[in-house]
Amino acid sequence: MPVNRSNRVLIAEEDKCVADLLSLSLRELGCQVKITCQQNEIREGVIRWKPDMLLLDLILPGCSGLDLLREFHQLGNRLGRPFPILVVSALGFREVVQQAKALGAVDFILKPIDLDNFRQKVLMYLP
């Protein structure tokens, strides 16, 4: 079931294979996709590209995904345009999942990624 073709999804992921897999799956759903793992490009993408969803890994070069999660959740609320942030990470410890949700993540997708589960969650959270 395709989603709204104007839906934009920003993928903040360092692992190229994972990013490409997520991107392909999202494009099959009809989404526009941008991929980056650089902190300044992630921040610029959120502010300028205005994604409808952010997929955020917790381990990124030079920055903490949890810090970015807190920042982007607050930014979306301040701008009056909150957007869902899904954490995609291999760090599936209960404490990490709880912390991510407390900081504003709408959901947590564990690596290795179950594509059916991933698609269901994307469809659930995209407008």
PDB file of N, CA and C in Angstrom:
ATOM      1  N   MET A   1       0.843  -1.179   0.000  1.00  0.00           N
ATOM      2  CA  MET A   1       0.000   0.000   0.000  1.00  0.00           C
ATOM      3  C   MET A   1       0.884   1.236   0.000  1.00  0.00           C
ATOM      4  N   PRO A   2       0.902   2.016  -1.086  1.00  0.00           N
ATOM      5  CA  PRO A   2       1.762   3.189  -1.149  1.00  0.00           C
ATOM      6  C   PRO A   2       1.291   4.284  -0.199  1.00  0.00           C
ATOM      7  N   VAL A   3       2.228   5.060   0.273  1.00  0.00           N
ATOM      8  CA  VAL A   3       1.907   6.203   1.117  1.00  0.00           C
ATOM      9  C   VAL A   3       1.846   7.443   0.234  1.00  0.00           C
ATOM     10  N   ASN A   4       1.509   8.556   0.819  1.00  0.00           N
ATOM     11  CA  ASN A   4       1.457   9.831   0.115  1.00  0.00           C
ATOM     12  C   ASN A   4       2.811  10.099  -0.553  1.00  0.00           C
ATOM     13  N   ARG A   5       2.810  10.331  -1.860  1.00  0.00           N
ATOM     14  CA  ARG A   5       4.064  10.510  -2.607  1.00  0.00           C
ATOM     15  C   ARG A   5       4.876  11.710  -2.129  1.00  0.00           C
ATOM     16  N   SER A   6       4.236  12.627  -1.435  1.00  0.00           N
ATOM     17  CA  SER A   6       4.989  13.788  -0.963  1.00  0.00           C
ATOM     18  C   SER A   6       5.689  13.515   0.370  1.00  0.00           C
ATOM     19  N   ASN A   7       5.472  12.335   0.953  1.00  0.00           N
ATOM     20  CA  ASN A   7       6.131  12.027   2.223  1.00  0.00           C
ATOM     21  C   ASN A   7       7.644  11.983   2.053  1.00  0.00           C
ATOM     22  N   ARG A   8       8.311  12.690   2.948  1.00  0.00           N
ATOM     23  CA  ARG A   8       9.771  12.753   2.937  1.00  0.00           C
ATOM     24  C   ARG A   8      10.299  12.060   4.178  1.00  0.00           C
ATOM     25  N   VAL A   9      11.295  11.216   3.971  1.00  0.00           N
ATOM     26  CA  VAL A   9      11.896  10.504   5.094  1.00  0.00           C
ATOM     27  C   VAL A   9      13.405  10.733   5.058  1.00  0.00           C
ATOM     28  N   LEU A  10      13.928  11.226   6.161  1.00  0.00           N
ATOM     29  CA  LEU A  10      15.364  11.425   6.317  1.00  0.00           C
ATOM     30  C   LEU A  10      15.915  10.239   7.096  1.00  0.00           C
ATOM     31  N   ILE A  11      16.926   9.592   6.533  1.00  0.00           N
ATOM     32  CA  ILE A  11      17.561   8.451   7.175  1.00  0.00           C
ATOM     33  C   ILE A  11      18.922   8.884   7.703  1.00  0.00           C
ATOM     34  N   ALA A  12      19.092   8.818   9.015  1.00  0.00           N
ATOM     35  CA  ALA A  12      20.367   9.143   9.656  1.00  0.00           C
ATOM     36  C   ALA A  12      20.999   7.820  10.077  1.00  0.00           C
ATOM     37  N   GLU A  13      21.843   7.290   9.210  1.00  0.00           N
ATOM     38  CA  GLU A  13      22.392   5.937   9.386  1.00  0.00           C
ATOM     39  C   GLU A  13      23.789   5.876   8.812  1.00  0.00           C
ATOM     40  N   GLU A  14      24.731   5.339   9.587  1.00  0.00           N
ATOM     41  CA  GLU A  14      26.119   5.244   9.139  1.00  0.00           C
ATOM     42  C   GLU A  14      26.374   4.026   8.250  1.00  0.00           C
ATOM     43  N   ASP A  15      25.701   2.932   8.511  1.00  0.00           N
ATOM     44  CA  ASP A  15      25.916   1.695   7.762  1.00  0.00           C
ATOM     45  C   ASP A  15      25.237   1.792   6.397  1.00  0.00           C
ATOM     46  N   LYS A  16      26.043   1.860   5.341  1.00  0.00           N
ATOM     47  CA  LYS A  16      25.516   2.057   3.994  1.00  0.00           C
ATOM     48  C   LYS A  16      24.543   0.960   3.578  1.00  0.00           C
ATOM     49  N   CYS A  17      24.827  -0.278   3.933  1.00  0.00           N
ATOM     50  CA  CYS A  17      23.927  -1.387   3.571  1.00  0.00           C
ATOM     51  C   CYS A  17      22.558  -1.222   4.226  1.00  0.00           C
ATOM     52  N   VAL A  18      22.548  -0.863   5.506  1.00  0.00           N
ATOM     53  CA  VAL A  18      21.289  -0.652   6.214  1.00  0.00           C
ATOM     54  C   VAL A  18      20.552   0.542   5.611  1.00  0.00           C
ATOM     55  N   ALA A  19      21.274   1.638   5.371  1.00  0.00           N
ATOM     56  CA  ALA A  19      20.652   2.831   4.795  1.00  0.00           C
ATOM     57  C   ALA A  19      20.047   2.532   3.430  1.00  0.00           C
ATOM     58  N   ASP A  20      20.773   1.790   2.604  1.00  0.00           N
ATOM     59  CA  ASP A  20      20.256   1.442   1.274  1.00  0.00           C
ATOM     60  C   ASP A  20      19.033   0.537   1.367  1.00  0.00           C
ATOM     61  N   LEU A  21      19.035  -0.399   2.289  1.00  0.00           N
ATOM     62  CA  LEU A  21      17.892  -1.286   2.477  1.00  0.00           C
ATOM     63  C   LEU A  21      16.656  -0.501   2.909  1.00  0.00           C
ATOM     64  N   LEU A  22      16.827   0.396   3.877  1.00  0.00           N
ATOM     65  CA  LEU A  22      15.715   1.230   4.333  1.00  0.00           C
ATOM     66  C   LEU A  22      15.218   2.133   3.212  1.00  0.00           C
ATOM     67  N   SER A  23      16.155   2.732   2.489  1.00  0.00           N
ATOM     68  CA  SER A  23      15.803   3.623   1.386  1.00  0.00           C
ATOM     69  C   SER A  23      14.997   2.893   0.315  1.00  0.00           C
ATOM     70  N   LEU A  24      15.458   1.733  -0.085  1.00  0.00           N
ATOM     71  CA  LEU A  24      14.753   0.953  -1.104  1.00  0.00           C
ATOM     72  C   LEU A  24      13.332   0.620  -0.646  1.00  0.00           C
ATOM     73  N   SER A  25      13.201   0.191   0.582  1.00  0.00           N
ATOM     74  CA  SER A  25      11.886  -0.147   1.117  1.00  0.00           C
ATOM     75  C   SER A  25      10.968   1.071   1.148  1.00  0.00           C
ATOM     76  N   LEU A  26      11.509   2.215   1.544  1.00  0.00           N
ATOM     77  CA  LEU A  26      10.709   3.441   1.588  1.00  0.00           C
ATOM     78  C   LEU A  26      10.316   3.913   0.190  1.00  0.00           C
ATOM     79  N   ARG A  27      11.230   3.816  -0.751  1.00  0.00           N
ATOM     80  CA  ARG A  27      10.928   4.218  -2.129  1.00  0.00           C
ATOM     81  C   ARG A  27       9.849   3.315  -2.731  1.00  0.00           C
ATOM     82  N   GLU A  28       9.875   2.035  -2.372  1.00  0.00           N
ATOM     83  CA  GLU A  28       8.814   1.124  -2.831  1.00  0.00           C
ATOM     84  C   GLU A  28       7.455   1.549  -2.286  1.00  0.00           C
ATOM     85  N   LEU A  29       7.460   2.207  -1.127  1.00  0.00           N
ATOM     86  CA  LEU A  29       6.223   2.723  -0.548  1.00  0.00           C
ATOM     87  C   LEU A  29       5.848   4.088  -1.121  1.00  0.00           C
ATOM     88  N   GLY A  30       6.699   4.640  -1.981  1.00  0.00           N
ATOM     89  CA  GLY A  30       6.406   5.918  -2.616  1.00  0.00           C
ATOM     90  C   GLY A  30       6.993   7.131  -1.926  1.00  0.00           C
ATOM     91  N   CYS A  31       7.888   6.939  -0.983  1.00  0.00           N
ATOM     92  CA  CYS A  31       8.481   8.059  -0.237  1.00  0.00           C
ATOM     93  C   CYS A  31       9.672   8.665  -0.974  1.00  0.00           C
ATOM     94  N   GLN A  32       9.913   9.943  -0.702  1.00  0.00           N
ATOM     95  CA  GLN A  32      11.160  10.599  -1.081  1.00  0.00           C
ATOM     96  C   GLN A  32      12.130  10.370   0.075  1.00  0.00           C
ATOM     97  N   VAL A  33      13.381  10.086  -0.239  1.00  0.00           N
ATOM     98  CA  VAL A  33      14.330   9.701   0.799  1.00  0.00           C
ATOM     99  C   VAL A  33      15.642  10.470   0.650  1.00  0.00           C
ATOM    100  N   LYS A  34      16.193  10.875   1.794  1.00  0.00           N
ATOM    101  CA  LYS A  34      17.555  11.405   1.866  1.00  0.00           C
ATOM    102  C   LYS A  34      18.284  10.618   2.935  1.00  0.00           C
ATOM    103  N   ILE A  35      19.566  10.353   2.668  1.00  0.00           N
ATOM    104  CA  ILE A  35      20.399   9.582   3.594  1.00  0.00           C
ATOM    105  C   ILE A  35      21.637  10.390   3.959  1.00  0.00           C
ATOM    106  N   THR A  36      21.968  10.392   5.235  1.00  0.00           N
ATOM    107  CA  THR A  36      23.217  10.984   5.689  1.00  0.00           C
ATOM    108  C   THR A  36      23.564  10.409   7.057  1.00  0.00           C
ATOM    109  N   CYS A  37      24.820  10.544   7.434  1.00  0.00           N
ATOM    110  CA  CYS A  37      25.218  10.140   8.787  1.00  0.00           C
ATOM    111  C   CYS A  37      26.004  11.257   9.468  1.00  0.00           C
ATOM    112  N   GLN A  38      26.153  12.377   8.791  1.00  0.00           N
ATOM    113  CA  GLN A  38      26.920  13.500   9.340  1.00  0.00           C
ATOM    114  C   GLN A  38      26.010  14.428  10.134  1.00  0.00           C
ATOM    115  N   GLN A  39      26.421  14.750  11.347  1.00  0.00           N
ATOM    116  CA  GLN A  39      25.603  15.528  12.264  1.00  0.00           C
ATOM    117  C   GLN A  39      25.076  16.820  11.639  1.00  0.00           C
ATOM    118  N   ASN A  40      25.944  17.595  10.987  1.00  0.00           N
ATOM    119  CA  ASN A  40      25.502  18.874  10.409  1.00  0.00           C
ATOM    120  C   ASN A  40      24.517  18.653   9.259  1.00  0.00           C
ATOM    121  N   GLU A  41      24.707  17.580   8.476  1.00  0.00           N
ATOM    122  CA  GLU A  41      23.790  17.294   7.372  1.00  0.00           C
ATOM    123  C   GLU A  41      22.449  16.781   7.891  1.00  0.00           C
ATOM    124  N   ILE A  42      22.464  16.037   8.974  1.00  0.00           N
ATOM    125  CA  ILE A  42      21.211  15.578   9.584  1.00  0.00           C
ATOM    126  C   ILE A  42      20.432  16.794  10.077  1.00  0.00           C
ATOM    127  N   ARG A  43      21.124  17.661  10.806  1.00  0.00           N
ATOM    128  CA  ARG A  43      20.480  18.867  11.351  1.00  0.00           C
ATOM    129  C   ARG A  43      19.929  19.737  10.215  1.00  0.00           C
ATOM    130  N   GLU A  44      20.739  19.964   9.188  1.00  0.00           N
ATOM    131  CA  GLU A  44      20.283  20.781   8.055  1.00  0.00           C
ATOM    132  C   GLU A  44      19.102  20.120   7.339  1.00  0.00           C
ATOM    133  N   GLY A  45      19.154  18.798   7.190  1.00  0.00           N
ATOM    134  CA  GLY A  45      18.055  18.085   6.550  1.00  0.00           C
ATOM    135  C   GLY A  45      16.752  18.240   7.311  1.00  0.00           C
ATOM    136  N   VAL A  46      16.815  18.178   8.637  1.00  0.00           N
ATOM    137  CA  VAL A  46      15.619  18.336   9.462  1.00  0.00           C
ATOM    138  C   VAL A  46      15.064  19.751   9.325  1.00  0.00           C
ATOM    139  N   ILE A  47      15.951  20.736   9.353  1.00  0.00           N
ATOM    140  CA  ILE A  47      15.504  22.130   9.335  1.00  0.00           C
ATOM    141  C   ILE A  47      15.062  22.574   7.938  1.00  0.00           C
ATOM    142  N   ARG A  48      15.849  22.272   6.921  1.00  0.00           N
ATOM    143  CA  ARG A  48      15.564  22.788   5.575  1.00  0.00           C
ATOM    144  C   ARG A  48      14.667  21.876   4.734  1.00  0.00           C
ATOM    145  N   TRP A  49      14.867  20.567   4.829  1.00  0.00           N
ATOM    146  CA  TRP A  49      14.109  19.640   3.980  1.00  0.00           C
ATOM    147  C   TRP A  49      12.742  19.315   4.595  1.00  0.00           C
ATOM    148  N   LYS A  50      12.621  19.505   5.915  1.00  0.00           N
ATOM    149  CA  LYS A  50      11.377  19.300   6.650  1.00  0.00           C
ATOM    150  C   LYS A  50      10.771  17.916   6.399  1.00  0.00           C
ATOM    151  N   PRO A  51      11.452  16.874   6.851  1.00  0.00           N
ATOM    152  CA  PRO A  51      10.947  15.517   6.609  1.00  0.00           C
ATOM    153  C   PRO A  51       9.654  15.245   7.381  1.00  0.00           C
ATOM    154  N   ASP A  52       8.894  14.300   6.866  1.00  0.00           N
ATOM    155  CA  ASP A  52       7.683  13.844   7.546  1.00  0.00           C
ATOM    156  C   ASP A  52       8.022  12.761   8.564  1.00  0.00           C
ATOM    157  N   MET A  53       9.239  12.222   8.468  1.00  0.00           N
ATOM    158  CA  MET A  53       9.705  11.205   9.403  1.00  0.00           C
ATOM    159  C   MET A  53      11.228  11.198   9.398  1.00  0.00           C
ATOM    160  N   LEU A  54      11.791  10.914  10.566  1.00  0.00           N
ATOM    161  CA  LEU A  54      13.234  10.743  10.691  1.00  0.00           C
ATOM    162  C   LEU A  54      13.504   9.336  11.208  1.00  0.00           C
ATOM    163  N   LEU A  55      14.359   8.608  10.497  1.00  0.00           N
ATOM    164  CA  LEU A  55      14.857   7.320  10.972  1.00  0.00           C
ATOM    165  C   LEU A  55      16.248   7.583  11.518  1.00  0.00           C
ATOM    166  N   LEU A  56      16.451   7.323  12.790  1.00  0.00           N
ATOM    167  CA  LEU A  56      17.665   7.753  13.476  1.00  0.00           C
ATOM    168  C   LEU A  56      18.377   6.597  14.149  1.00  0.00           C
ATOM    169  N   ASP A  57      19.609   6.343  13.720  1.00  0.00           N
ATOM    170  CA  ASP A  57      20.454   5.383  14.413  1.00  0.00           C
ATOM    171  C   ASP A  57      20.997   6.062  15.673  1.00  0.00           C
ATOM    172  N   LEU A  58      21.332   5.282  16.679  1.00  0.00           N
ATOM    173  CA  LEU A  58      21.850   5.866  17.912  1.00  0.00           C
ATOM    174  C   LEU A  58      23.355   6.040  17.900  1.00  0.00           C
ATOM    175  N   ILE A  59      24.043   5.320  17.018  1.00  0.00           N
ATOM    176  CA  ILE A  59      25.497   5.424  16.943  1.00  0.00           C
ATOM    177  C   ILE A  59      25.858   6.043  15.593  1.00  0.00           C
ATOM    178  N   LEU A  60      26.274   7.296  15.656  1.00  0.00           N
ATOM    179  CA  LEU A  60      26.636   8.049  14.463  1.00  0.00           C
ATOM    180  C   LEU A  60      28.023   8.647  14.678  1.00  0.00           C
ATOM    181  N   PRO A  61      28.741   8.906  13.591  1.00  0.00           N
ATOM    182  CA  PRO A  61      30.100   9.453  13.753  1.00  0.00           C
ATOM    183  C   PRO A  61      30.081  10.834  14.408  1.00  0.00           C
ATOM    184  N   GLY A  62      30.767  10.934  15.532  1.00  0.00           N
ATOM    185  CA  GLY A  62      30.942  12.228  16.177  1.00  0.00           C
ATOM    186  C   GLY A  62      29.759  12.748  16.960  1.00  0.00           C
ATOM    187  N   CYS A  63      28.688  11.975  17.086  1.00  0.00           N
ATOM    188  CA  CYS A  63      27.549  12.478  17.848  1.00  0.00           C
ATOM    189  C   CYS A  63      26.717  11.320  18.391  1.00  0.00           C
ATOM    190  N   SER A  64      25.902  11.653  19.352  1.00  0.00           N
ATOM    191  CA  SER A  64      25.015  10.679  19.966  1.00  0.00           C
ATOM    192  C   SER A  64      23.625  10.796  19.354  1.00  0.00           C
ATOM    193  N   GLY A  65      23.085   9.685  18.914  1.00  0.00           N
ATOM    194  CA  GLY A  65      21.726   9.687  18.386  1.00  0.00           C
ATOM    195  C   GLY A  65      20.712  10.116  19.434  1.00  0.00           C
ATOM    196  N   LEU A  66      20.973   9.792  20.700  1.00  0.00           N
ATOM    197  CA  LEU A  66      20.060  10.208  21.765  1.00  0.00           C
ATOM    198  C   LEU A  66      20.048  11.723  21.925  1.00  0.00           C
ATOM    199  N   ASP A  67      21.217  12.364  21.802  1.00  0.00           N
ATOM    200  CA  ASP A  67      21.267  13.830  21.868  1.00  0.00           C
ATOM    201  C   ASP A  67      20.506  14.444  20.704  1.00  0.00           C
ATOM    202  N   LEU A  68      20.690  13.886  19.506  1.00  0.00           N
ATOM    203  CA  LEU A  68      19.965  14.388  18.338  1.00  0.00           C
ATOM    204  C   LEU A  68      18.461  14.166  18.491  1.00  0.00           C
ATOM    205  N   LEU A  69      18.088  13.039  19.036  1.00  0.00           N
ATOM    206  CA  LEU A  69      16.677  12.733  19.264  1.00  0.00           C
ATOM    207  C   LEU A  69      16.045  13.795  20.149  1.00  0.00           C
ATOM    208  N   ARG A  70      16.681  14.113  21.248  1.00  0.00           N
ATOM    209  CA  ARG A  70      16.176  15.142  22.156  1.00  0.00           C
ATOM    210  C   ARG A  70      16.047  16.480  21.433  1.00  0.00           C
ATOM    211  N   GLU A  71      17.090  16.857  20.711  1.00  0.00           N
ATOM    212  CA  GLU A  71      17.108  18.141  20.009  1.00  0.00           C
ATOM    213  C   GLU A  71      15.998  18.224  18.960  1.00  0.00           C
ATOM    214  N   PHE A  72      15.847  17.187  18.143  1.00  0.00           N
ATOM    215  CA  PHE A  72      14.878  17.240  17.047  1.00  0.00           C
ATOM    216  C   PHE A  72      13.443  17.124  17.546  1.00  0.00           C
ATOM    217  N   HIS A  73      13.239  16.379  18.620  1.00  0.00           N
ATOM    218  CA  HIS A  73      11.893  16.290  19.191  1.00  0.00           C
ATOM    219  C   HIS A  73      11.473  17.670  19.704  1.00  0.00           C
ATOM    220  N   GLN A  74      12.358  18.351  20.406  1.00  0.00           N
ATOM    221  CA  GLN A  74      12.059  19.692  20.915  1.00  0.00           C
ATOM    222  C   GLN A  74      11.900  20.687  19.774  1.00  0.00           C
ATOM    223  N   LEU A  75      12.739  20.577  18.744  1.00  0.00           N
ATOM    224  CA  LEU A  75      12.658  21.480  17.598  1.00  0.00           C
ATOM    225  C   LEU A  75      11.322  21.340  16.879  1.00  0.00           C
ATOM    226  N   GLY A  76      10.888  20.116  16.640  1.00  0.00           N
ATOM    227  CA  GLY A  76       9.607  19.887  15.980  1.00  0.00           C
ATOM    228  C   GLY A  76       8.464  20.484  16.767  1.00  0.00           C
ATOM    229  N   ASN A  77       8.502  20.356  18.066  1.00  0.00           N
ATOM    230  CA  ASN A  77       7.451  20.933  18.908  1.00  0.00           C
ATOM    231  C   ASN A  77       7.493  22.453  18.884  1.00  0.00           C
ATOM    232  N   ARG A  78       8.695  23.036  18.923  1.00  0.00           N
ATOM    233  CA  ARG A  78       8.822  24.506  18.891  1.00  0.00           C
ATOM    234  C   ARG A  78       8.330  25.086  17.575  1.00  0.00           C
ATOM    235  N   LEU A  79       8.579  24.378  16.483  1.00  0.00           N
ATOM    236  CA  LEU A  79       8.173  24.868  15.170  1.00  0.00           C
ATOM    237  C   LEU A  79       6.691  24.604  14.905  1.00  0.00           C
ATOM    238  N   GLY A  80       6.047  23.884  15.820  1.00  0.00           N
ATOM    239  CA  GLY A  80       4.640  23.559  15.626  1.00  0.00           C
ATOM    240  C   GLY A  80       4.442  22.511  14.545  1.00  0.00           C
ATOM    241  N   ARG A  81       5.510  21.842  14.197  1.00  0.00           N
ATOM    242  CA  ARG A  81       5.455  20.832  13.142  1.00  0.00           C
ATOM    243  C   ARG A  81       6.186  19.575  13.616  1.00  0.00           C
ATOM    244  N   PRO A  82       5.628  18.928  14.653  1.00  0.00           N
ATOM    245  CA  PRO A  82       6.303  17.716  15.112  1.00  0.00           C
ATOM    246  C   PRO A  82       6.262  16.634  14.036  1.00  0.00           C
ATOM    247  N   PHE A  83       7.305  15.842  13.992  1.00  0.00           N
ATOM    248  CA  PHE A  83       7.382  14.749  13.021  1.00  0.00           C
ATOM    249  C   PHE A  83       7.826  13.501  13.776  1.00  0.00           C
ATOM    250  N   PRO A  84       7.355  12.333  13.347  1.00  0.00           N
ATOM    251  CA  PRO A  84       7.740  11.115  14.065  1.00  0.00           C
ATOM    252  C   PRO A  84       9.211  10.778  13.862  1.00  0.00           C
ATOM    253  N   ILE A  85       9.839  10.369  14.951  1.00  0.00           N
ATOM    254  CA  ILE A  85      11.221   9.922  14.915  1.00  0.00           C
ATOM    255  C   ILE A  85      11.235   8.461  15.335  1.00  0.00           C
ATOM    256  N   LEU A  86      11.671   7.609  14.421  1.00  0.00           N
ATOM    257  CA  LEU A  86      11.818   6.185  14.706  1.00  0.00           C
ATOM    258  C   LEU A  86      13.298   5.895  14.885  1.00  0.00           C
ATOM    259  N   VAL A  87      13.640   5.312  16.005  1.00  0.00           N
ATOM    260  CA  VAL A  87      15.022   4.914  16.238  1.00  0.00           C
ATOM    261  C   VAL A  87      15.231   3.554  15.591  1.00  0.00           C
ATOM    262  N   VAL A  88      16.327   3.426  14.848  1.00  0.00           N
ATOM    263  CA  VAL A  88      16.710   2.167  14.214  1.00  0.00           C
ATOM    264  C   VAL A  88      18.098   1.837  14.752  1.00  0.00           C
ATOM    265  N   SER A  89      18.172   0.811  15.612  1.00  0.00           N
ATOM    266  CA  SER A  89      19.438   0.559  16.287  1.00  0.00           C
ATOM    267  C   SER A  89      19.576  -0.897  16.705  1.00  0.00           C
ATOM    268  N   ALA A  90      20.818  -1.320  16.847  1.00  0.00           N
ATOM    269  CA  ALA A  90      21.113  -2.642  17.390  1.00  0.00           C
ATOM    270  C   ALA A  90      21.167  -2.597  18.919  1.00  0.00           C
ATOM    271  N   LEU A  91      21.129  -1.400  19.489  1.00  0.00           N
ATOM    272  CA  LEU A  91      21.175  -1.241  20.947  1.00  0.00           C
ATOM    273  C   LEU A  91      19.772  -1.397  21.509  1.00  0.00           C
ATOM    274  N   GLY A  92      19.297  -2.620  21.560  1.00  0.00           N
ATOM    275  CA  GLY A  92      17.919  -2.874  21.965  1.00  0.00           C
ATOM    276  C   GLY A  92      17.725  -3.174  23.433  1.00  0.00           C
ATOM    277  N   PHE A  93      18.657  -2.778  24.273  1.00  0.00           N
ATOM    278  CA  PHE A  93      18.497  -2.978  25.707  1.00  0.00           C
ATOM    279  C   PHE A  93      17.272  -2.207  26.199  1.00  0.00           C
ATOM    280  N   ARG A  94      16.553  -2.787  27.138  1.00  0.00           N
ATOM    281  CA  ARG A  94      15.321  -2.166  27.630  1.00  0.00           C
ATOM    282  C   ARG A  94      15.545  -0.714  28.069  1.00  0.00           C
ATOM    283  N   GLU A  95      16.661  -0.462  28.755  1.00  0.00           N
ATOM    284  CA  GLU A  95      16.941   0.894  29.239  1.00  0.00           C
ATOM    285  C   GLU A  95      17.120   1.873  28.076  1.00  0.00           C
ATOM    286  N   VAL A  96      17.780   1.429  27.011  1.00  0.00           N
ATOM    287  CA  VAL A  96      18.010   2.295  25.842  1.00  0.00           C
ATOM    288  C   VAL A  96      16.690   2.582  25.140  1.00  0.00           C
ATOM    289  N   VAL A  97      15.870   1.550  24.969  1.00  0.00           N
ATOM    290  CA  VAL A  97      14.562   1.733  24.326  1.00  0.00           C
ATOM    291  C   VAL A  97      13.705   2.697  25.141  1.00  0.00           C
ATOM    292  N   GLN A  98      13.676   2.517  26.453  1.00  0.00           N
ATOM    293  CA  GLN A  98      12.897   3.404  27.314  1.00  0.00           C
ATOM    294  C   GLN A  98      13.407   4.837  27.256  1.00  0.00           C
ATOM    295  N   GLN A  99      14.725   4.991  27.243  1.00  0.00           N
ATOM    296  CA  GLN A  99      15.303   6.338  27.172  1.00  0.00           C
ATOM    297  C   GLN A  99      14.962   6.999  25.844  1.00  0.00           C
ATOM    298  N   ALA A 100      15.060   6.254  24.748  1.00  0.00           N
ATOM    299  CA  ALA A 100      14.728   6.805  23.429  1.00  0.00           C
ATOM    300  C   ALA A 100      13.268   7.262  23.388  1.00  0.00           C
ATOM    301  N   LYS A 101      12.383   6.459  23.916  1.00  0.00           N
ATOM    302  CA  LYS A 101      10.958   6.836  23.921  1.00  0.00           C
ATOM    303  C   LYS A 101      10.703   8.028  24.833  1.00  0.00           C
ATOM    304  N   ALA A 102      11.415   8.088  25.968  1.00  0.00           N
ATOM    305  CA  ALA A 102      11.264   9.223  26.882  1.00  0.00           C
ATOM    306  C   ALA A 102      11.755  10.521  26.235  1.00  0.00           C
ATOM    307  N   LEU A 103      12.714  10.408  25.319  1.00  0.00           N
ATOM    308  CA  LEU A 103      13.257  11.588  24.642  1.00  0.00           C
ATOM    309  C   LEU A 103      12.460  11.971  23.389  1.00  0.00           C
ATOM    310  N   GLY A 104      11.434  11.197  23.053  1.00  0.00           N
ATOM    311  CA  GLY A 104      10.569  11.595  21.944  1.00  0.00           C
ATOM    312  C   GLY A 104      10.450  10.627  20.788  1.00  0.00           C
ATOM    313  N   ALA A 105      11.142   9.505  20.820  1.00  0.00           N
ATOM    314  CA  ALA A 105      10.995   8.531  19.735  1.00  0.00           C
ATOM    315  C   ALA A 105       9.597   7.931  19.800  1.00  0.00           C
ATOM    316  N   VAL A 106       8.950   7.811  18.640  1.00  0.00           N
ATOM    317  CA  VAL A 106       7.624   7.200  18.623  1.00  0.00           C
ATOM    318  C   VAL A 106       7.717   5.685  18.656  1.00  0.00           C
ATOM    319  N   ASP A 107       8.846   5.153  18.201  1.00  0.00           N
ATOM    320  CA  ASP A 107       9.019   3.703  18.187  1.00  0.00           C
ATOM    321  C   ASP A 107      10.495   3.372  18.042  1.00  0.00           C
ATOM    322  N   PHE A 108      10.797   2.095  18.195  1.00  0.00           N
ATOM    323  CA  PHE A 108      12.175   1.601  18.164  1.00  0.00           C
ATOM    324  C   PHE A 108      12.194   0.379  17.257  1.00  0.00           C
ATOM    325  N   ILE A 109      13.041   0.397  16.253  1.00  0.00           N
ATOM    326  CA  ILE A 109      13.177  -0.718  15.326  1.00  0.00           C
ATOM    327  C   ILE A 109      14.551  -1.332  15.555  1.00  0.00           C
ATOM    328  N   LEU A 110      14.541  -2.605  15.900  1.00  0.00           N
ATOM    329  CA  LEU A 110      15.769  -3.295  16.248  1.00  0.00           C
ATOM    330  C   LEU A 110      16.459  -3.855  15.008  1.00  0.00           C
ATOM    331  N   LYS A 111      17.787  -3.702  14.960  1.00  0.00           N
ATOM    332  CA  LYS A 111      18.596  -4.331  13.917  1.00  0.00           C
ATOM    333  C   LYS A 111      18.993  -5.720  14.393  1.00  0.00           C
ATOM    334  N   PRO A 112      19.100  -6.699  13.532  1.00  0.00           N
ATOM    335  CA  PRO A 112      18.819  -6.648  12.100  1.00  0.00           C
ATOM    336  C   PRO A 112      17.328  -6.404  11.862  1.00  0.00           C
ATOM    337  N   ILE A 113      17.052  -5.702  10.785  1.00  0.00           N
ATOM    338  CA  ILE A 113      15.710  -5.189  10.522  1.00  0.00           C
ATOM    339  C   ILE A 113      14.812  -6.242   9.883  1.00  0.00           C
ATOM    340  N   ASP A 114      13.643  -6.396  10.470  1.00  0.00           N
ATOM    341  CA  ASP A 114      12.573  -7.202   9.898  1.00  0.00           C
ATOM    342  C   ASP A 114      11.800  -6.248   8.978  1.00  0.00           C
ATOM    343  N   LEU A 115      11.932  -6.425   7.670  1.00  0.00           N
ATOM    344  CA  LEU A 115      11.351  -5.469   6.721  1.00  0.00           C
ATOM    345  C   LEU A 115       9.836  -5.380   6.803  1.00  0.00           C
ATOM    346  N   ASP A 116       9.158  -6.468   7.068  1.00  0.00           N
ATOM    347  CA  ASP A 116       7.703  -6.404   7.207  1.00  0.00           C
ATOM    348  C   ASP A 116       7.321  -5.533   8.402  1.00  0.00           C
ATOM    349  N   ASN A 117       7.984  -5.736   9.516  1.00  0.00           N
ATOM    350  CA  ASN A 117       7.749  -4.928  10.708  1.00  0.00           C
ATOM    351  C   ASN A 117       8.092  -3.459  10.433  1.00  0.00           C
ATOM    352  N   PHE A 118       9.208  -3.235   9.748  1.00  0.00           N
ATOM    353  CA  PHE A 118       9.618  -1.869   9.407  1.00  0.00           C
ATOM    354  C   PHE A 118       8.545  -1.167   8.579  1.00  0.00           C
ATOM    355  N   ARG A 119       8.069  -1.814   7.533  1.00  0.00           N
ATOM    356  CA  ARG A 119       7.046  -1.210   6.679  1.00  0.00           C
ATOM    357  C   ARG A 119       5.761  -0.921   7.442  1.00  0.00           C
ATOM    358  N   GLN A 120       5.351  -1.832   8.306  1.00  0.00           N
ATOM    359  CA  GLN A 120       4.148  -1.619   9.105  1.00  0.00           C
ATOM    360  C   GLN A 120       4.282  -0.371   9.979  1.00  0.00           C
ATOM    361  N   LYS A 121       5.454  -0.234  10.588  1.00  0.00           N
ATOM    362  CA  LYS A 121       5.653   0.933  11.460  1.00  0.00           C
ATOM    363  C   LYS A 121       5.709   2.230  10.655  1.00  0.00           C
ATOM    364  N   VAL A 122       6.349   2.202   9.507  1.00  0.00           N
ATOM    365  CA  VAL A 122       6.400   3.398   8.668  1.00  0.00           C
ATOM    366  C   VAL A 122       4.977   3.800   8.277  1.00  0.00           C
ATOM    367  N   LEU A 123       4.191   2.851   7.824  1.00  0.00           N
ATOM    368  CA  LEU A 123       2.817   3.150   7.406  1.00  0.00           C
ATOM    369  C   LEU A 123       1.979   3.645   8.581  1.00  0.00           C
ATOM    370  N   MET A 124       2.274   3.162   9.767  1.00  0.00           N
ATOM    371  CA  MET A 124       1.517   3.580  10.961  1.00  0.00           C
ATOM    372  C   MET A 124       1.812   5.041  11.321  1.00  0.00           C
ATOM    373  N   TYR A 125       3.059   5.480  11.117  1.00  0.00           N
ATOM    374  CA  TYR A 125       3.451   6.805  11.601  1.00  0.00           C
ATOM    375  C   TYR A 125       3.495   7.904  10.547  1.00  0.00           C
ATOM    376  N   LEU A 126       3.528   7.553   9.271  1.00  0.00           N
ATOM    377  CA  LEU A 126       3.529   8.596   8.238  1.00  0.00           C
ATOM    378  C   LEU A 126       2.121   9.159   8.081  1.00  0.00           C
ATOM    379  N   PRO A 127       2.034  10.447   7.777  1.00  0.00           N
ATOM    380  CA  PRO A 127       0.685  11.059   7.606  1.00  0.00           C
ATOM    381  C   PRO A 127      -0.028  10.509   6.380  1.00  0.00           C
TER     382      PRO A 127
END
